[in-house]
Amino acid sequence: MPTPNTPPPVRPHTGRTVVLTIIGTIVVSFIVILILAWSFGTTSSSRNSLQTAGTGMGMMDYSVSGGIVSSKAIAPSAAPSPAYDMMDSAMPEIMPYYGGSGATAEERANVGQKIIRNGYLSIRVDNTEKRLEEAKGLATQYGGFVASSNLQDNAGVKTAYITIRVASDKFDELVAAAKKLSVVVLSESSNADDVTDQFVDLNARLKAAQAEEAQYLDILKEAKTVEDTLKVTSALSQVRTRIEQMQGQLRYLTDKTDYATLNLTITEETQIEIPTRTWKPLETIRLSFRGLVIALQGLVDFLIAAFFYGIGLLLPILLILYVIYRLAKWIAKKFKK
């Protein structure tokens, strides 16, 4: 009995499947490359922003607390004062004081009370430039001097920073007079640190070091060999270094206790002004359109570069996959035979 003719099995469209697979792989890879490039650009921008923000750090804060002079690094405030930074740059290097056995009442009486006074005053005024000149006049009026001053203009709002040094007994009068320059006092603070014990300790250690230096000088006169001379000279150098350090600390503390410091910030009231002829809306539109064109050009350049980079990276991979596919197909035909 004849068997009916059965149609041959329909072979899958292998060639069409491979082409579609290759096209899909190219599209997916192109999208992945775009995402990676965008992520890399965002990460780089964030890292650069953090590095830029970190450059504003590095200020030093010198303080005296409980008879201890020390320095520490502080982060800059939201509105740092360049005038106050100039005071820090002129400050000598002060060795940390860790305190001694403590000064007796008699020693404190001989030295006298030594107090460092600092004040910070922020005021709002009607005219910054005028009030700044008046503040400078106050320094002269109370027998002091202007250590530093700085005037800034931020979008028409002027702010001045001035540091005034006056004798400690004139400090309160200076603060009261500075307040009279203002329309309103924004903030006020002051501090006083007693460094009498440090004065006593430094003077005692300085006298001991000077006596030690005198003994080494006597020994140096009696040295008979080169080796003895070198040893005594080395010891003298070390003692002289200690003496100069202590003398520098005493000079610094003397200056800080004899003269109090007032850091004054003068801010101008915000004024609303009528627009002037310098307002050019058409110029603003033209500049905005130019910026838009530049941004679009950059976007198109990026897409073109990403496309060709993607092709350059994917072509070798696709060629290898195609060779593997053809080889596998050839091996499969061999086994069927």
Protein backbone atom coordinates (compact mmCIF):
# COMPACT_ATOMS: atom_id res chain seq x y z
CA MET A 1 0.00 0.00 0.00
CA PRO A 2 1.61 3.22 -1.07
CA THR A 3 2.40 5.62 1.63
CA PRO A 4 1.20 9.11 1.15
CA ASN A 5 3.81 11.68 0.32
CA THR A 6 4.61 13.54 3.52
CA PRO A 7 5.94 17.05 3.08
CA PRO A 8 9.49 17.60 4.26
CA PRO A 9 9.83 19.17 7.70
CA VAL A 10 9.95 22.93 7.65
CA ARG A 11 13.44 24.05 8.51
CA PRO A 12 13.66 27.06 10.75
CA HIS A 13 14.85 30.22 9.15
CA THR A 14 18.30 29.95 10.68
CA GLY A 15 19.82 32.77 8.63
CA ARG A 16 17.06 35.22 9.55
CA THR A 17 17.39 34.29 13.24
CA VAL A 18 21.13 34.94 13.20
CA VAL A 19 20.66 38.33 11.54
CA LEU A 20 18.01 39.36 14.06
CA THR A 21 20.23 38.15 16.91
CA ILE A 22 23.17 40.20 15.64
CA ILE A 23 21.04 43.33 15.22
CA GLY A 24 19.55 42.93 18.71
CA THR A 25 23.01 42.43 20.20
CA ILE A 26 24.26 45.61 18.51
CA VAL A 27 21.31 47.65 19.79
CA VAL A 28 21.57 46.33 23.35
CA SER A 29 25.34 46.85 23.42
CA PHE A 30 24.96 50.40 22.13
CA ILE A 31 22.46 51.20 24.90
CA VAL A 32 24.75 49.67 27.55
CA ILE A 33 27.69 51.75 26.30
CA LEU A 34 25.62 54.94 26.49
CA ILE A 35 24.57 54.15 30.07
CA LEU A 36 28.16 53.38 31.12
CA ALA A 37 29.47 56.57 29.50
CA TRP A 38 26.82 58.68 31.22
CA SER A 39 27.54 57.04 34.60
CA PHE A 40 31.29 57.62 34.20
CA GLY A 41 30.75 61.28 33.36
CA THR A 42 28.47 61.80 36.38
CA THR A 43 30.97 60.11 38.73
CA SER A 44 33.84 62.22 37.41
CA SER A 45 31.86 65.44 37.85
CA SER A 46 30.97 64.51 41.44
CA ARG A 47 34.57 63.68 42.25
CA ASN A 48 35.80 66.99 40.80
CA SER A 49 33.18 68.89 42.81
CA LEU A 50 34.33 67.21 46.03
CA GLN A 51 37.97 67.99 45.27
CA THR A 52 37.11 71.63 44.53
CA ALA A 53 35.14 71.95 47.76
CA GLY A 54 38.05 70.52 49.73
CA THR A 55 40.44 73.27 48.62
CA GLY A 56 38.73 75.78 50.81
CA MET A 57 40.01 74.08 53.96
CA GLY A 58 43.21 74.65 55.84
CA MET A 59 42.63 77.58 58.18
CA MET A 60 44.27 77.50 61.58
CA ASP A 61 42.62 78.50 64.84
CA TYR A 62 44.90 79.59 67.67
CA SER A 63 43.32 79.51 71.10
CA VAL A 64 44.31 79.88 74.73
CA SER A 65 42.25 77.93 77.23
CA GLY A 66 43.09 77.27 80.84
CA GLY A 67 46.59 78.64 80.35
CA ILE A 68 47.22 76.51 77.24
CA VAL A 69 48.21 78.00 73.89
CA SER A 70 47.49 75.64 71.01
CA SER A 71 46.53 75.63 67.37
CA LYS A 72 44.05 73.45 65.48
CA ALA A 73 42.70 73.20 61.95
CA ILE A 74 39.12 74.36 61.36
CA ALA A 75 36.83 74.19 58.34
CA PRO A 76 36.00 77.48 56.66
CA SER A 77 32.63 79.01 57.45
CA ALA A 78 29.97 79.79 54.92
CA ALA A 79 31.23 83.39 54.63
CA PRO A 80 34.93 83.48 55.61
CA SER A 81 36.54 86.79 56.40
CA PRO A 82 39.75 87.45 54.43
CA ALA A 83 40.65 90.19 56.89
CA TYR A 84 40.63 87.77 59.82
CA ASP A 85 42.71 85.23 57.86
CA MET A 86 45.43 87.88 57.47
CA MET A 87 45.71 88.05 61.25
CA ASP A 88 46.31 84.30 61.43
CA SER A 89 49.04 84.44 58.77
CA ALA A 90 50.97 87.02 60.80
CA MET A 91 50.81 84.96 63.99
CA PRO A 92 54.14 83.44 65.17
CA GLU A 93 54.59 79.74 65.76
CA ILE A 94 53.66 79.03 69.36
CA MET A 95 54.83 75.91 71.13
CA PRO A 96 51.99 74.10 72.97
CA TYR A 97 51.89 74.82 76.70
CA TYR A 98 51.01 71.86 78.88
CA GLY A 99 51.25 73.64 82.21
CA GLY A 100 53.77 73.29 84.98
CA SER A 101 53.37 72.80 88.68
CA GLY A 102 51.11 75.87 88.88
CA ALA A 103 51.95 79.44 89.88
CA THR A 104 51.86 80.51 93.50
CA ALA A 105 49.91 83.55 94.65
CA GLU A 106 53.15 85.48 95.10
CA GLU A 107 54.36 84.64 91.60
CA ARG A 108 51.02 85.65 90.09
CA ALA A 109 51.16 88.93 91.99
CA ASN A 110 54.67 89.67 90.70
CA VAL A 111 53.63 89.06 87.10
CA GLY A 112 50.19 90.63 87.35
CA GLN A 113 47.00 89.26 85.84
CA LYS A 114 47.45 88.43 82.15
CA ILE A 115 44.21 88.07 80.18
CA ILE A 116 43.68 87.73 76.44
CA ARG A 117 40.44 89.36 75.26
CA ASN A 118 38.83 88.81 71.85
CA GLY A 119 35.51 90.09 70.59
CA TYR A 120 33.35 89.44 67.52
CA LEU A 121 30.69 91.93 66.46
CA SER A 122 28.46 91.81 63.37
CA ILE A 123 26.34 94.86 62.54
CA ARG A 124 24.04 96.02 59.74
CA VAL A 125 24.45 99.60 58.53
CA ASP A 126 22.96 101.98 55.98
CA ASN A 127 26.26 102.68 54.15
CA THR A 128 29.15 100.22 54.45
CA GLU A 129 31.92 102.43 53.08
CA LYS A 130 31.02 105.35 55.32
CA ARG A 131 30.72 103.22 58.46
CA LEU A 132 34.00 101.45 57.66
CA GLU A 133 35.84 104.78 57.68
CA GLU A 134 34.15 105.68 60.96
CA ALA A 135 35.26 102.34 62.45
CA LYS A 136 38.84 103.12 61.44
CA GLY A 137 38.46 106.46 63.20
CA LEU A 138 37.38 104.65 66.37
CA ALA A 139 40.67 102.74 66.39
CA THR A 140 42.59 106.03 66.44
CA GLN A 141 40.20 107.62 68.92
CA TYR A 142 40.80 104.89 71.51
CA GLY A 143 44.56 104.75 71.05
CA GLY A 144 44.63 101.56 69.00
CA PHE A 145 45.25 100.64 65.39
CA VAL A 146 43.66 98.80 62.47
CA ALA A 147 45.29 95.40 62.08
CA SER A 148 43.47 94.61 58.84
CA SER A 149 40.44 95.63 56.79
CA ASN A 150 38.68 94.35 53.71
CA LEU A 151 35.70 95.52 51.63
CA GLN A 152 33.69 93.20 49.38
CA ASP A 153 30.86 93.87 46.92
CA ASN A 154 28.48 90.98 46.29
CA ALA A 155 25.83 91.87 43.70
CA GLY A 156 25.61 95.43 44.99
CA VAL A 157 25.55 94.46 48.69
CA LYS A 158 28.79 95.62 50.30
CA THR A 159 30.32 93.90 53.32
CA ALA A 160 33.40 95.06 55.23
CA TYR A 161 35.65 93.16 57.62
CA ILE A 162 37.91 95.08 59.98
CA THR A 163 40.12 93.97 62.86
CA ILE A 164 40.89 96.61 65.49
CA ARG A 165 43.50 96.30 68.27
CA VAL A 166 43.18 98.55 71.32
CA ALA A 167 44.51 98.53 74.87
CA SER A 168 42.64 95.99 76.96
CA ASP A 169 41.19 98.64 79.28
CA LYS A 170 39.66 100.42 76.27
CA PHE A 171 38.04 97.31 74.78
CA ASP A 172 34.57 97.73 76.28
CA GLU A 173 34.42 101.39 75.22
CA LEU A 174 35.39 100.42 71.66
CA VAL A 175 32.64 97.78 71.46
CA ALA A 176 30.01 100.23 72.72
CA ALA A 177 31.09 102.85 70.17
CA ALA A 178 31.06 100.30 67.33
CA LYS A 179 27.47 99.35 68.15
CA LYS A 180 26.41 102.98 67.66
CA LEU A 181 27.43 102.74 64.00
CA SER A 182 24.78 100.13 63.31
CA VAL A 183 21.15 100.10 62.35
CA VAL A 184 20.86 96.74 64.09
CA VAL A 185 23.35 94.46 65.85
CA LEU A 186 23.26 91.03 64.20
CA SER A 187 25.52 89.15 66.61
CA GLU A 188 27.99 89.78 69.42
CA SER A 189 30.37 87.54 71.34
CA SER A 190 33.57 87.84 73.36
CA ASN A 191 35.92 85.68 75.36
CA ALA A 192 38.69 86.18 77.92
CA ASP A 193 41.47 83.69 78.69
CA ASP A 194 43.67 83.93 81.78
CA VAL A 195 47.28 83.07 80.84
CA THR A 196 48.96 84.25 84.06
CA ASP A 197 50.18 80.75 84.93
CA GLN A 198 51.78 80.41 81.53
CA PHE A 199 53.61 83.72 81.96
CA VAL A 200 55.01 82.57 85.30
CA ASP A 201 56.08 79.19 83.93
CA LEU A 202 57.70 80.65 80.80
CA ASN A 203 59.63 83.23 82.81
CA ALA A 204 60.91 80.53 85.19
CA ARG A 205 61.98 78.21 82.37
CA LEU A 206 63.57 81.12 80.49
CA LYS A 207 65.69 82.10 83.50
CA ALA A 208 66.79 78.46 83.96
CA ALA A 209 67.74 78.17 80.28
CA GLN A 210 69.69 81.44 80.38
CA ALA A 211 71.60 80.23 83.47
CA GLU A 212 72.36 76.97 81.66
CA GLU A 213 73.62 78.94 78.65
CA ALA A 214 75.94 80.98 80.89
CA GLN A 215 77.43 77.77 82.34
CA TYR A 216 78.07 76.34 78.88
CA LEU A 217 79.81 79.58 77.89
CA ASP A 218 82.13 79.26 80.89
CA ILE A 219 82.87 75.63 79.97
CA LEU A 220 83.54 76.65 76.37
CA LYS A 221 86.25 79.06 77.52
CA GLU A 222 88.05 76.18 79.26
CA ALA A 223 87.71 73.64 76.42
CA LYS A 224 91.14 72.47 75.24
CA THR A 225 90.36 69.96 72.50
CA VAL A 226 88.39 70.22 69.29
CA GLU A 227 86.09 67.42 70.44
CA ASP A 228 85.22 69.22 73.68
CA THR A 229 84.63 72.45 71.80
CA LEU A 230 82.23 70.77 69.35
CA LYS A 231 80.25 69.09 72.16
CA VAL A 232 79.83 72.33 74.11
CA THR A 233 78.94 74.25 70.95
CA SER A 234 76.22 71.70 70.10
CA ALA A 235 74.76 71.94 73.61
CA LEU A 236 74.86 75.76 73.41
CA SER A 237 72.95 75.67 70.11
CA GLN A 238 70.18 73.56 71.62
CA VAL A 239 69.86 75.82 74.67
CA ARG A 240 69.81 78.94 72.48
CA THR A 241 66.99 77.44 70.38
CA ARG A 242 64.91 76.83 73.51
CA ILE A 243 65.56 80.36 74.75
CA GLU A 244 64.45 81.92 71.46
CA GLN A 245 61.29 79.81 71.40
CA MET A 246 60.32 80.88 74.91
CA GLN A 247 61.13 84.52 74.18
CA GLY A 248 58.91 84.34 71.10
CA GLN A 249 56.03 82.92 73.14
CA LEU A 250 56.43 85.63 75.76
CA ARG A 251 56.40 88.36 73.11
CA TYR A 252 53.28 86.90 71.53
CA LEU A 253 51.43 86.56 74.85
CA THR A 254 52.50 90.05 75.90
CA ASP A 255 51.09 91.51 72.70
CA LYS A 256 47.85 89.56 73.05
CA THR A 257 47.34 90.58 76.69
CA ASP A 258 48.32 94.24 76.27
CA TYR A 259 46.02 94.72 73.26
CA ALA A 260 42.51 93.30 72.94
CA THR A 261 41.15 92.37 69.50
CA LEU A 262 37.77 93.25 68.00
CA ASN A 263 36.74 91.53 64.77
CA LEU A 264 34.00 93.69 63.27
CA THR A 265 31.77 92.67 60.34
CA ILE A 266 29.81 95.48 58.67
CA THR A 267 26.97 94.46 56.34
CA GLU A 268 24.95 96.88 54.25
CA GLU A 269 21.16 96.84 54.15
CA THR A 270 19.73 95.40 50.93
CA GLN A 271 18.38 98.12 48.69
CA ILE A 272 15.86 97.63 45.87
CA GLU A 273 16.73 99.72 42.82
CA ILE A 274 14.75 100.45 39.65
CA PRO A 275 16.11 98.58 36.60
CA THR A 276 18.48 100.68 34.53
CA ARG A 277 19.17 100.88 30.79
CA THR A 278 21.77 98.16 31.11
CA TRP A 279 18.97 95.54 31.11
CA LYS A 280 18.97 93.91 27.64
CA PRO A 281 16.43 91.06 27.37
CA LEU A 282 17.18 90.45 23.67
CA GLU A 283 20.84 89.95 24.49
CA THR A 284 19.84 87.46 27.17
CA ILE A 285 17.69 85.53 24.66
CA ARG A 286 20.52 85.50 22.13
CA LEU A 287 23.00 84.19 24.67
CA SER A 288 20.51 81.55 25.87
CA PHE A 289 19.90 80.32 22.31
CA ARG A 290 23.64 80.17 21.69
CA GLY A 291 24.09 78.10 24.84
CA LEU A 292 21.30 75.75 23.72
CA VAL A 293 22.95 75.23 20.31
CA ILE A 294 26.30 74.50 21.95
CA ALA A 295 24.66 71.99 24.30
CA LEU A 296 22.91 70.21 21.41
CA GLN A 297 26.16 70.09 19.43
CA GLY A 298 27.86 68.50 22.36
CA LEU A 299 25.07 65.93 22.70
CA VAL A 300 25.22 64.98 19.01
CA ASP A 301 29.03 64.74 19.13
CA PHE A 302 28.74 62.44 22.13
CA LEU A 303 26.19 60.16 20.43
CA ILE A 304 28.31 59.92 17.26
CA ALA A 305 31.45 59.12 19.22
CA ALA A 306 29.61 56.57 21.37
CA PHE A 307 28.16 54.90 18.25
CA PHE A 308 31.51 54.45 16.53
CA TYR A 309 33.23 53.43 19.74
CA GLY A 310 30.47 50.82 20.18
CA ILE A 311 30.94 49.50 16.65
CA GLY A 312 34.69 49.35 17.13
CA LEU A 313 34.27 47.34 20.30
CA LEU A 314 31.45 45.06 19.10
CA LEU A 315 32.70 44.14 15.60
CA PRO A 316 35.57 41.90 16.79
CA ILE A 317 33.23 40.18 19.27
CA LEU A 318 30.53 39.65 16.63
CA LEU A 319 33.07 38.28 14.15
CA ILE A 320 34.31 35.77 16.71
CA LEU A 321 30.75 34.72 17.54
CA TYR A 322 29.93 34.35 13.86
CA VAL A 323 32.99 32.16 13.28
CA ILE A 324 32.02 30.02 16.28
CA TYR A 325 28.47 29.74 14.95
CA ARG A 326 29.61 28.67 11.47
CA LEU A 327 32.04 26.19 12.95
CA ALA A 328 29.37 24.69 15.19
CA LYS A 329 26.98 24.43 12.26
CA TRP A 330 29.61 22.71 10.14
CA ILE A 331 30.38 20.22 12.93
CA ALA A 332 26.67 19.49 13.36
CA LYS A 333 26.32 18.67 9.66
CA LYS A 334 29.31 16.33 9.82
CA PHE A 335 27.76 14.38 12.69
CA LYS A 336 24.41 14.07 10.86
CA LYS A 337 26.12 12.50 7.91
